[in-house]
Amino acid sequence: KEKSHAFDHRLALDVLQRKCRHKGLSFSGPDDFLVPGKLAEAGVYWERDLQDQVPHLPEFREAVEDLRRLLREFLEG
């Protein structure tokens, strides 16, 4: 989010699409990357593992919503 001006969306999307093809995977949107079970698992460790490493750690829910929005923008080009 902070370095979006330097992020090459086209290159990253091309790499993601090629990698998915190579692995036989597909995706239709951001929620394909935000699987509820995996999010629940990550949420357990969010504050415990990151609070001493990240100043002003956002709430897990906020971070997931930001990620969902950024993924949507990324996947839409």
PDB file of N, CA and C in Angstrom:
ATOM      1  N   LYS A   1       0.833  -1.184   0.000  1.00  0.00           N
ATOM      2  CA  LYS A   1       0.000   0.000   0.000  1.00  0.00           C
ATOM      3  C   LYS A   1       0.876   1.244   0.000  1.00  0.00           C
ATOM      4  N   GLU A   2       1.934   1.231   0.807  1.00  0.00           N
ATOM      5  CA  GLU A   2       2.799   2.400   0.905  1.00  0.00           C
ATOM      6  C   GLU A   2       3.693   2.571  -0.315  1.00  0.00           C
ATOM      7  N   LYS A   3       3.973   1.512  -1.021  1.00  0.00           N
ATOM      8  CA  LYS A   3       4.886   1.565  -2.169  1.00  0.00           C
ATOM      9  C   LYS A   3       4.147   1.342  -3.484  1.00  0.00           C
ATOM     10  N   SER A   4       2.866   1.629  -3.516  1.00  0.00           N
ATOM     11  CA  SER A   4       2.067   1.343  -4.709  1.00  0.00           C
ATOM     12  C   SER A   4       2.562   2.085  -5.945  1.00  0.00           C
ATOM     13  N   HIS A   5       3.180   3.234  -5.765  1.00  0.00           N
ATOM     14  CA  HIS A   5       3.688   3.993  -6.908  1.00  0.00           C
ATOM     15  C   HIS A   5       4.823   3.259  -7.625  1.00  0.00           C
ATOM     16  N   ALA A   6       5.531   2.382  -6.912  1.00  0.00           N
ATOM     17  CA  ALA A   6       6.665   1.674  -7.496  1.00  0.00           C
ATOM     18  C   ALA A   6       6.305   0.242  -7.899  1.00  0.00           C
ATOM     19  N   PHE A   7       5.066  -0.144  -7.707  1.00  0.00           N
ATOM     20  CA  PHE A   7       4.633  -1.513  -7.977  1.00  0.00           C
ATOM     21  C   PHE A   7       4.189  -1.638  -9.431  1.00  0.00           C
ATOM     22  N   ASP A   8       4.777  -2.558 -10.151  1.00  0.00           N
ATOM     23  CA  ASP A   8       4.433  -2.783 -11.551  1.00  0.00           C
ATOM     24  C   ASP A   8       3.289  -3.804 -11.613  1.00  0.00           C
ATOM     25  N   HIS A   9       2.060  -3.298 -11.656  1.00  0.00           N
ATOM     26  CA  HIS A   9       0.879  -4.159 -11.636  1.00  0.00           C
ATOM     27  C   HIS A   9       0.855  -5.142 -12.804  1.00  0.00           C
ATOM     28  N   ARG A  10       1.163  -4.660 -13.990  1.00  0.00           N
ATOM     29  CA  ARG A  10       1.109  -5.539 -15.170  1.00  0.00           C
ATOM     30  C   ARG A  10       2.086  -6.689 -15.060  1.00  0.00           C
ATOM     31  N   LEU A  11       3.301  -6.398 -14.647  1.00  0.00           N
ATOM     32  CA  LEU A  11       4.311  -7.448 -14.508  1.00  0.00           C
ATOM     33  C   LEU A  11       3.895  -8.456 -13.439  1.00  0.00           C
ATOM     34  N   ALA A  12       3.459  -7.967 -12.289  1.00  0.00           N
ATOM     35  CA  ALA A  12       3.064  -8.858 -11.197  1.00  0.00           C
ATOM     36  C   ALA A  12       1.871  -9.719 -11.589  1.00  0.00           C
ATOM     37  N   LEU A  13       0.889  -9.139 -12.266  1.00  0.00           N
ATOM     38  CA  LEU A  13      -0.271  -9.907 -12.695  1.00  0.00           C
ATOM     39  C   LEU A  13       0.128 -10.950 -13.740  1.00  0.00           C
ATOM     40  N   ASP A  14       1.015 -10.578 -14.643  1.00  0.00           N
ATOM     41  CA  ASP A  14       1.501 -11.534 -15.642  1.00  0.00           C
ATOM     42  C   ASP A  14       2.205 -12.704 -14.962  1.00  0.00           C
ATOM     43  N   VAL A  15       3.054 -12.423 -13.985  1.00  0.00           N
ATOM     44  CA  VAL A  15       3.770 -13.480 -13.261  1.00  0.00           C
ATOM     45  C   VAL A  15       2.772 -14.364 -12.520  1.00  0.00           C
ATOM     46  N   LEU A  16       1.802 -13.756 -11.849  1.00  0.00           N
ATOM     47  CA  LEU A  16       0.788 -14.531 -11.124  1.00  0.00           C
ATOM     48  C   LEU A  16       0.011 -15.440 -12.070  1.00  0.00           C
ATOM     49  N   GLN A  17      -0.420 -14.919 -13.199  1.00  0.00           N
ATOM     50  CA  GLN A  17      -1.187 -15.721 -14.156  1.00  0.00           C
ATOM     51  C   GLN A  17      -0.351 -16.878 -14.703  1.00  0.00           C
ATOM     52  N   ARG A  18       0.917 -16.617 -15.030  1.00  0.00           N
ATOM     53  CA  ARG A  18       1.777 -17.684 -15.550  1.00  0.00           C
ATOM     54  C   ARG A  18       2.031 -18.749 -14.488  1.00  0.00           C
ATOM     55  N   LYS A  19       2.246 -18.327 -13.260  1.00  0.00           N
ATOM     56  CA  LYS A  19       2.486 -19.278 -12.177  1.00  0.00           C
ATOM     57  C   LYS A  19       1.243 -20.135 -11.941  1.00  0.00           C
ATOM     58  N   CYS A  20       0.078 -19.521 -11.948  1.00  0.00           N
ATOM     59  CA  CYS A  20      -1.165 -20.276 -11.766  1.00  0.00           C
ATOM     60  C   CYS A  20      -1.362 -21.283 -12.902  1.00  0.00           C
ATOM     61  N   ARG A  21      -1.109 -20.859 -14.139  1.00  0.00           N
ATOM     62  CA  ARG A  21      -1.215 -21.789 -15.271  1.00  0.00           C
ATOM     63  C   ARG A  21      -0.263 -22.960 -15.089  1.00  0.00           C
ATOM     64  N   HIS A  22       0.961 -22.668 -14.694  1.00  0.00           N
ATOM     65  CA  HIS A  22       1.972 -23.706 -14.505  1.00  0.00           C
ATOM     66  C   HIS A  22       1.544 -24.707 -13.429  1.00  0.00           C
ATOM     67  N   LYS A  23       0.917 -24.210 -12.371  1.00  0.00           N
ATOM     68  CA  LYS A  23       0.494 -25.058 -11.259  1.00  0.00           C
ATOM     69  C   LYS A  23      -0.900 -25.644 -11.463  1.00  0.00           C
ATOM     70  N   GLY A  24      -1.566 -25.264 -12.567  1.00  0.00           N
ATOM     71  CA  GLY A  24      -2.918 -25.761 -12.809  1.00  0.00           C
ATOM     72  C   GLY A  24      -3.947 -25.144 -11.891  1.00  0.00           C
ATOM     73  N   LEU A  25      -3.719 -23.916 -11.467  1.00  0.00           N
ATOM     74  CA  LEU A  25      -4.629 -23.219 -10.565  1.00  0.00           C
ATOM     75  C   LEU A  25      -5.364 -22.120 -11.318  1.00  0.00           C
ATOM     76  N   SER A  26      -6.477 -21.721 -10.780  1.00  0.00           N
ATOM     77  CA  SER A  26      -7.204 -20.595 -11.347  1.00  0.00           C
ATOM     78  C   SER A  26      -7.713 -19.731 -10.197  1.00  0.00           C
ATOM     79  N   PHE A  27      -8.087 -18.531 -10.540  1.00  0.00           N
ATOM     80  CA  PHE A  27      -8.672 -17.638  -9.546  1.00  0.00           C
ATOM     81  C   PHE A  27      -9.683 -16.754 -10.242  1.00  0.00           C
ATOM     82  N   SER A  28     -10.702 -16.366  -9.480  1.00  0.00           N
ATOM     83  CA  SER A  28     -11.720 -15.502 -10.057  1.00  0.00           C
ATOM     84  C   SER A  28     -11.815 -14.163  -9.342  1.00  0.00           C
ATOM     85  N   GLY A  29     -11.151 -14.058  -8.205  1.00  0.00           N
ATOM     86  CA  GLY A  29     -11.192 -12.806  -7.472  1.00  0.00           C
ATOM     87  C   GLY A  29     -10.416 -12.897  -6.178  1.00  0.00           C
ATOM     88  N   PRO A  30     -10.407 -11.815  -5.415  1.00  0.00           N
ATOM     89  CA  PRO A  30      -9.627 -11.735  -4.184  1.00  0.00           C
ATOM     90  C   PRO A  30      -9.976 -12.801  -3.157  1.00  0.00           C
ATOM     91  N   ASP A  31     -11.233 -13.188  -3.100  1.00  0.00           N
ATOM     92  CA  ASP A  31     -11.633 -14.156  -2.085  1.00  0.00           C
ATOM     93  C   ASP A  31     -11.027 -15.534  -2.319  1.00  0.00           C
ATOM     94  N   ASP A  32     -10.555 -15.800  -3.539  1.00  0.00           N
ATOM     95  CA  ASP A  32      -9.867 -17.061  -3.798  1.00  0.00           C
ATOM     96  C   ASP A  32      -8.546 -17.125  -3.033  1.00  0.00           C
ATOM     97  N   PHE A  33      -8.002 -15.970  -2.673  1.00  0.00           N
ATOM     98  CA  PHE A  33      -6.743 -15.909  -1.942  1.00  0.00           C
ATOM     99  C   PHE A  33      -6.969 -15.726  -0.441  1.00  0.00           C
ATOM    100  N   LEU A  34      -8.186 -15.430  -0.055  1.00  0.00           N
ATOM    101  CA  LEU A  34      -8.505 -15.153   1.342  1.00  0.00           C
ATOM    102  C   LEU A  34      -9.462 -16.219   1.871  1.00  0.00           C
ATOM    103  N   VAL A  35      -8.963 -17.414   1.993  1.00  0.00           N
ATOM    104  CA  VAL A  35      -9.751 -18.576   2.409  1.00  0.00           C
ATOM    105  C   VAL A  35     -10.075 -18.458   3.903  1.00  0.00           C
ATOM    106  N   PRO A  36     -11.357 -18.557   4.264  1.00  0.00           N
ATOM    107  CA  PRO A  36     -11.748 -18.354   5.666  1.00  0.00           C
ATOM    108  C   PRO A  36     -10.943 -19.168   6.685  1.00  0.00           C
ATOM    109  N   GLY A  37     -10.702 -20.430   6.419  1.00  0.00           N
ATOM    110  CA  GLY A  37      -9.944 -21.251   7.373  1.00  0.00           C
ATOM    111  C   GLY A  37      -8.525 -20.759   7.569  1.00  0.00           C
ATOM    112  N   LYS A  38      -7.894 -20.359   6.480  1.00  0.00           N
ATOM    113  CA  LYS A  38      -6.525 -19.837   6.559  1.00  0.00           C
ATOM    114  C   LYS A  38      -6.505 -18.469   7.245  1.00  0.00           C
ATOM    115  N   LEU A  39      -7.531 -17.653   6.994  1.00  0.00           N
ATOM    116  CA  LEU A  39      -7.613 -16.355   7.667  1.00  0.00           C
ATOM    117  C   LEU A  39      -7.788 -16.526   9.171  1.00  0.00           C
ATOM    118  N   ALA A  40      -8.621 -17.471   9.558  1.00  0.00           N
ATOM    119  CA  ALA A  40      -8.832 -17.733  10.984  1.00  0.00           C
ATOM    120  C   ALA A  40      -7.525 -18.159  11.643  1.00  0.00           C
ATOM    121  N   GLU A  41      -6.765 -19.003  10.949  1.00  0.00           N
ATOM    122  CA  GLU A  41      -5.475 -19.452  11.471  1.00  0.00           C
ATOM    123  C   GLU A  41      -4.506 -18.277  11.598  1.00  0.00           C
ATOM    124  N   ALA A  42      -4.440 -17.433  10.584  1.00  0.00           N
ATOM    125  CA  ALA A  42      -3.551 -16.273  10.620  1.00  0.00           C
ATOM    126  C   ALA A  42      -3.964 -15.300  11.717  1.00  0.00           C
ATOM    127  N   GLY A  43      -5.263 -15.147  11.913  1.00  0.00           N
ATOM    128  CA  GLY A  43      -5.769 -14.226  12.930  1.00  0.00           C
ATOM    129  C   GLY A  43      -5.322 -14.596  14.332  1.00  0.00           C
ATOM    130  N   VAL A  44      -5.159 -15.881  14.580  1.00  0.00           N
ATOM    131  CA  VAL A  44      -4.726 -16.347  15.895  1.00  0.00           C
ATOM    132  C   VAL A  44      -3.335 -15.811  16.231  1.00  0.00           C
ATOM    133  N   TYR A  45      -2.487 -15.735  15.236  1.00  0.00           N
ATOM    134  CA  TYR A  45      -1.098 -15.348  15.465  1.00  0.00           C
ATOM    135  C   TYR A  45      -0.811 -13.870  15.192  1.00  0.00           C
ATOM    136  N   TRP A  46      -1.755 -13.154  14.623  1.00  0.00           N
ATOM    137  CA  TRP A  46      -1.539 -11.777  14.168  1.00  0.00           C
ATOM    138  C   TRP A  46      -0.906 -10.898  15.236  1.00  0.00           C
ATOM    139  N   GLU A  47      -1.615 -10.670  16.301  1.00  0.00           N
ATOM    140  CA  GLU A  47      -1.118  -9.751  17.323  1.00  0.00           C
ATOM    141  C   GLU A  47       0.034 -10.370  18.097  1.00  0.00           C
ATOM    142  N   ARG A  48      -0.096 -11.619  18.462  1.00  0.00           N
ATOM    143  CA  ARG A  48       0.941 -12.267  19.269  1.00  0.00           C
ATOM    144  C   ARG A  48       2.306 -12.237  18.587  1.00  0.00           C
ATOM    145  N   ASP A  49       2.340 -12.525  17.297  1.00  0.00           N
ATOM    146  CA  ASP A  49       3.611 -12.638  16.596  1.00  0.00           C
ATOM    147  C   ASP A  49       4.105 -11.325  15.990  1.00  0.00           C
ATOM    148  N   LEU A  50       3.214 -10.365  15.777  1.00  0.00           N
ATOM    149  CA  LEU A  50       3.619  -9.147  15.080  1.00  0.00           C
ATOM    150  C   LEU A  50       3.678  -7.886  15.941  1.00  0.00           C
ATOM    151  N   GLN A  51       3.048  -7.902  17.095  1.00  0.00           N
ATOM    152  CA  GLN A  51       2.949  -6.673  17.875  1.00  0.00           C
ATOM    153  C   GLN A  51       4.301  -6.078  18.251  1.00  0.00           C
ATOM    154  N   ASP A  52       5.324  -6.894  18.434  1.00  0.00           N
ATOM    155  CA  ASP A  52       6.644  -6.367  18.785  1.00  0.00           C
ATOM    156  C   ASP A  52       7.489  -6.030  17.562  1.00  0.00           C
ATOM    157  N   GLN A  53       7.001  -6.370  16.369  1.00  0.00           N
ATOM    158  CA  GLN A  53       7.766  -6.142  15.144  1.00  0.00           C
ATOM    159  C   GLN A  53       7.215  -5.000  14.289  1.00  0.00           C
ATOM    160  N   VAL A  54       5.942  -4.710  14.451  1.00  0.00           N
ATOM    161  CA  VAL A  54       5.286  -3.716  13.596  1.00  0.00           C
ATOM    162  C   VAL A  54       4.714  -2.594  14.464  1.00  0.00           C
ATOM    163  N   PRO A  55       5.305  -1.400  14.329  1.00  0.00           N
ATOM    164  CA  PRO A  55       4.720  -0.288  15.091  1.00  0.00           C
ATOM    165  C   PRO A  55       3.324   0.037  14.546  1.00  0.00           C
ATOM    166  N   HIS A  56       2.409   0.322  15.411  1.00  0.00           N
ATOM    167  CA  HIS A  56       1.037   0.669  15.032  1.00  0.00           C
ATOM    168  C   HIS A  56       0.381  -0.469  14.226  1.00  0.00           C
ATOM    169  N   LEU A  57       0.484  -1.656  14.746  1.00  0.00           N
ATOM    170  CA  LEU A  57      -0.106  -2.823  14.090  1.00  0.00           C
ATOM    171  C   LEU A  57      -1.621  -2.629  13.972  1.00  0.00           C
ATOM    172  N   PRO A  58      -2.149  -2.704  12.745  1.00  0.00           N
ATOM    173  CA  PRO A  58      -3.604  -2.558  12.595  1.00  0.00           C
ATOM    174  C   PRO A  58      -4.325  -3.795  13.115  1.00  0.00           C
ATOM    175  N   GLU A  59      -5.590  -3.633  13.362  1.00  0.00           N
ATOM    176  CA  GLU A  59      -6.408  -4.786  13.739  1.00  0.00           C
ATOM    177  C   GLU A  59      -6.396  -5.773  12.573  1.00  0.00           C
ATOM    178  N   PHE A  60      -6.447  -7.048  12.881  1.00  0.00           N
ATOM    179  CA  PHE A  60      -6.406  -8.081  11.849  1.00  0.00           C
ATOM    180  C   PHE A  60      -7.527  -7.881  10.832  1.00  0.00           C
ATOM    181  N   ARG A  61      -8.715  -7.599  11.311  1.00  0.00           N
ATOM    182  CA  ARG A  61      -9.874  -7.395  10.432  1.00  0.00           C
ATOM    183  C   ARG A  61      -9.622  -6.263   9.434  1.00  0.00           C
ATOM    184  N   GLU A  62      -9.031  -5.170   9.912  1.00  0.00           N
ATOM    185  CA  GLU A  62      -8.713  -4.038   9.040  1.00  0.00           C
ATOM    186  C   GLU A  62      -7.684  -4.435   7.987  1.00  0.00           C
ATOM    187  N   ALA A  63      -6.663  -5.175   8.409  1.00  0.00           N
ATOM    188  CA  ALA A  63      -5.617  -5.604   7.480  1.00  0.00           C
ATOM    189  C   ALA A  63      -6.193  -6.508   6.391  1.00  0.00           C
ATOM    190  N   VAL A  64      -7.101  -7.392   6.765  1.00  0.00           N
ATOM    191  CA  VAL A  64      -7.719  -8.294   5.784  1.00  0.00           C
ATOM    192  C   VAL A  64      -8.575  -7.495   4.804  1.00  0.00           C
ATOM    193  N   GLU A  65      -9.317  -6.520   5.291  1.00  0.00           N
ATOM    194  CA  GLU A  65     -10.138  -5.701   4.396  1.00  0.00           C
ATOM    195  C   GLU A  65      -9.266  -4.876   3.450  1.00  0.00           C
ATOM    196  N   ASP A  66      -8.154  -4.330   3.966  1.00  0.00           N
ATOM    197  CA  ASP A  66      -7.215  -3.617   3.094  1.00  0.00           C
ATOM    198  C   ASP A  66      -6.645  -4.559   2.041  1.00  0.00           C
ATOM    199  N   LEU A  67      -6.269  -5.753   2.470  1.00  0.00           N
ATOM    200  CA  LEU A  67      -5.726  -6.728   1.531  1.00  0.00           C
ATOM    201  C   LEU A  67      -6.754  -7.106   0.474  1.00  0.00           C
ATOM    202  N   ARG A  68      -7.993  -7.301   0.891  1.00  0.00           N
ATOM    203  CA  ARG A  68      -9.066  -7.643  -0.052  1.00  0.00           C
ATOM    204  C   ARG A  68      -9.237  -6.527  -1.097  1.00  0.00           C
ATOM    205  N   ARG A  69      -9.228  -5.296  -0.643  1.00  0.00           N
ATOM    206  CA  ARG A  69      -9.364  -4.156  -1.556  1.00  0.00           C
ATOM    207  C   ARG A  69      -8.166  -4.068  -2.500  1.00  0.00           C
ATOM    208  N   LEU A  70      -6.958  -4.209  -1.962  1.00  0.00           N
ATOM    209  CA  LEU A  70      -5.755  -4.139  -2.790  1.00  0.00           C
ATOM    210  C   LEU A  70      -5.710  -5.287  -3.804  1.00  0.00           C
ATOM    211  N   LEU A  71      -6.118  -6.469  -3.383  1.00  0.00           N
ATOM    212  CA  LEU A  71      -6.168  -7.596  -4.312  1.00  0.00           C
ATOM    213  C   LEU A  71      -7.180  -7.347  -5.431  1.00  0.00           C
ATOM    214  N   ARG A  72      -8.327  -6.793  -5.072  1.00  0.00           N
ATOM    215  CA  ARG A  72      -9.356  -6.491  -6.072  1.00  0.00           C
ATOM    216  C   ARG A  72      -8.795  -5.503  -7.098  1.00  0.00           C
ATOM    217  N   GLU A  73      -8.156  -4.441  -6.613  1.00  0.00           N
ATOM    218  CA  GLU A  73      -7.563  -3.448  -7.525  1.00  0.00           C
ATOM    219  C   GLU A  73      -6.481  -4.087  -8.389  1.00  0.00           C
ATOM    220  N   PHE A  74      -5.659  -4.916  -7.788  1.00  0.00           N
ATOM    221  CA  PHE A  74      -4.576  -5.577  -8.501  1.00  0.00           C
ATOM    222  C   PHE A  74      -5.116  -6.497  -9.588  1.00  0.00           C
ATOM    223  N   LEU A  75      -6.097  -7.316  -9.246  1.00  0.00           N
ATOM    224  CA  LEU A  75      -6.622  -8.299 -10.189  1.00  0.00           C
ATOM    225  C   LEU A  75      -7.423  -7.650 -11.312  1.00  0.00           C
ATOM    226  N   GLU A  76      -7.975  -6.479 -11.041  1.00  0.00           N
ATOM    227  CA  GLU A  76      -8.727  -5.766 -12.074  1.00  0.00           C
ATOM    228  C   GLU A  76      -7.801  -4.938 -12.964  1.00  0.00           C
ATOM    229  N   GLY A  77      -6.541  -4.822 -12.575  1.00  0.00           N
ATOM    230  CA  GLY A  77      -5.560  -4.084 -13.379  1.00  0.00           C
ATOM    231  C   GLY A  77      -5.619  -2.629 -13.084  1.00  0.00           C
TER     232      GLY A  77
END
